[in-house]
Protein backbone atom coordinates (compact mmCIF):
# COMPACT_ATOMS: atom_id res chain seq x y z
CA UNK A 1 8.22 -13.93 -17.07
CA UNK A 2 11.03 -11.94 -18.60
CA UNK A 3 12.19 -8.35 -18.52
CA UNK A 4 14.75 -7.58 -21.19
CA UNK A 5 16.61 -4.30 -20.88
CA UNK A 6 18.42 -2.77 -23.83
CA UNK A 7 19.68 0.55 -25.12
CA UNK A 8 22.83 0.92 -23.08
CA UNK A 9 26.11 1.92 -24.62
CA UNK A 10 28.96 4.41 -24.64
CA UNK A 11 28.14 8.10 -24.71
CA UNK A 12 30.08 11.29 -24.10
CA UNK A 13 29.36 13.56 -21.16
CA UNK A 14 26.27 15.59 -21.93
CA UNK A 15 24.89 13.01 -24.30
CA UNK A 16 21.62 11.09 -24.17
CA UNK A 17 20.47 7.50 -24.18
CA UNK A 18 17.07 5.87 -24.04
CA UNK A 19 16.87 2.54 -22.27
CA UNK A 20 14.07 0.13 -23.04
CA UNK A 21 12.73 -2.78 -21.03
CA UNK A 22 10.52 -5.22 -22.90
CA UNK A 23 8.28 -7.28 -20.65
CA UNK A 24 6.91 -10.70 -21.49
CA UNK A 25 4.82 -13.08 -19.41
CA UNK A 26 2.51 -10.48 -17.89
CA UNK A 27 0.88 -7.20 -18.84
CA UNK A 28 2.35 -4.01 -17.47
CA UNK A 29 -1.03 -2.54 -16.64
CA UNK A 30 -1.37 -1.97 -12.91
CA UNK A 31 2.30 -2.67 -12.23
CA UNK A 32 4.61 -0.28 -10.47
CA UNK A 33 7.76 0.03 -12.61
CA UNK A 34 11.27 1.11 -11.75
CA UNK A 35 14.81 1.55 -12.96
CA UNK A 36 17.79 0.87 -10.76
CA UNK A 37 21.53 1.00 -11.34
CA UNK A 38 24.72 -0.41 -9.90
CA UNK A 39 28.20 0.93 -10.49
CA UNK A 40 31.33 -1.14 -9.80
CA UNK A 41 32.07 -1.28 -6.09
CA UNK A 42 28.81 0.43 -5.16
CA UNK A 43 25.43 -0.72 -3.89
CA UNK A 44 22.43 -0.88 -6.17
CA UNK A 45 20.67 2.48 -6.34
CA UNK A 46 17.06 3.34 -7.09
CA UNK A 47 16.91 5.73 -10.05
CA UNK A 48 13.32 6.22 -11.21
CA UNK A 49 9.87 4.83 -10.56
CA UNK A 50 6.32 5.26 -11.87
CA UNK A 51 3.28 4.01 -9.99
CA UNK A 52 0.73 1.61 -11.43
CA UNK A 53 -1.62 4.41 -12.54
CA UNK A 54 1.22 6.40 -14.11
CA UNK A 55 0.08 9.48 -12.21
CA UNK A 56 3.07 9.62 -9.90
CA UNK A 57 6.80 9.38 -10.55
CA UNK A 58 9.76 9.53 -8.23
CA UNK A 59 13.43 10.08 -9.07
CA UNK A 60 16.73 9.91 -7.28
CA UNK A 61 17.93 13.40 -6.50
CA UNK A 62 21.03 12.84 -8.63
CA UNK A 63 18.97 12.34 -11.81
CA UNK A 64 16.00 14.63 -11.16
CA UNK A 65 15.38 16.84 -14.18
CA UNK A 66 17.62 14.77 -16.47
CA UNK A 67 15.96 11.34 -16.53
CA UNK A 68 12.36 10.48 -17.41
CA UNK A 69 10.62 7.16 -16.84
CA UNK A 70 7.69 6.18 -19.03
CA UNK A 71 5.81 3.13 -20.24
CA UNK A 72 3.91 1.97 -23.30
CA UNK A 73 1.39 -0.60 -22.11
CA UNK A 74 0.43 -1.48 -25.68
CA UNK A 75 4.04 -2.46 -26.36
CA UNK A 76 4.52 -3.80 -22.82
CA UNK A 77 7.68 -1.75 -22.61
CA UNK A 78 9.21 0.56 -20.01
CA UNK A 79 11.58 3.36 -20.99
CA UNK A 80 14.17 5.51 -19.28
CA UNK A 81 15.16 8.62 -21.21
CA UNK A 82 18.50 9.86 -19.93
CA UNK A 83 19.71 13.31 -20.91
CA UNK A 84 22.78 15.34 -19.98
CA UNK A 85 24.61 12.21 -18.91
CA UNK A 86 27.52 12.51 -16.52
CA UNK A 87 30.41 10.15 -15.78
CA UNK A 88 28.80 9.35 -12.41
CA UNK A 89 25.77 7.96 -14.27
CA UNK A 90 27.88 5.08 -15.59
CA UNK A 91 26.53 1.80 -14.27
CA UNK A 92 24.60 -1.31 -15.15
CA UNK A 93 20.94 -0.34 -15.33
CA UNK A 94 18.14 -2.72 -14.37
CA UNK A 95 14.40 -2.53 -14.85
CA UNK A 96 11.93 -3.98 -12.38
CA UNK A 97 8.19 -4.34 -11.87
CA UNK A 98 5.91 -5.04 -8.90
CA UNK A 99 2.21 -5.88 -8.65
CA UNK A 100 1.57 -5.18 -4.99
CA UNK A 101 -0.55 -2.21 -4.04
CA UNK A 102 -1.21 -0.21 -0.95
CA UNK A 103 0.76 1.52 1.79
CA UNK A 104 4.37 0.48 1.84
CA UNK A 105 4.52 -0.53 -1.80
CA UNK A 106 4.89 2.82 -3.49
CA UNK A 107 7.64 4.36 -5.55
CA UNK A 108 9.36 6.02 -2.62
CA UNK A 109 9.63 2.70 -0.81
CA UNK A 110 10.71 0.88 -3.97
CA UNK A 111 13.59 3.26 -4.66
CA UNK A 112 14.69 3.01 -1.05
CA UNK A 113 14.57 -0.81 -1.21
CA UNK A 114 11.99 -1.03 1.58
CA UNK A 115 10.70 -4.01 -0.35
CA UNK A 116 12.11 -6.15 -3.13
CA UNK A 117 10.41 -5.76 -6.48
CA UNK A 118 8.64 -8.86 -7.84
CA UNK A 119 10.40 -9.06 -11.18
CA UNK A 120 13.84 -7.94 -12.33
CA UNK A 121 15.46 -7.84 -15.71
CA UNK A 122 19.06 -8.39 -16.61
CA UNK A 123 20.99 -5.18 -16.81
CA UNK A 124 22.24 -3.05 -19.63
CA UNK A 125 25.59 -1.26 -19.37
CA UNK A 126 25.81 2.51 -19.63
CA UNK A 127 29.26 4.05 -19.98
CA UNK A 128 29.84 7.79 -20.00
CA UNK A 129 33.18 9.17 -21.15
CA UNK A 130 34.43 12.46 -19.77
């Protein structure tokens, strides 16, 4: 099982990036997916999540309206489109996936770290210059 994140880089304030997370070892169908980030000296933060049916998404308040999570099950890939980037968005970004269903295993709980996601990828660095 492997989740490989890519697409990070250096961008100016106001710019855009699209992160990708290629999944191997299992199919993304029926998995809850999420993006998290960690800046130097700070705790890991939940950024965006989509449920297993892709009919519900949840975002951190700080990125609401600027970031969009999506998936392509045929390509087994998760995306995070990031627009209007700000210096405070700079961090290492991680993708994650979880197969568990039911109360307590939704996006809200995932982003709040009420449970630990099953699978995590290595991060990709996003740097935003002011």
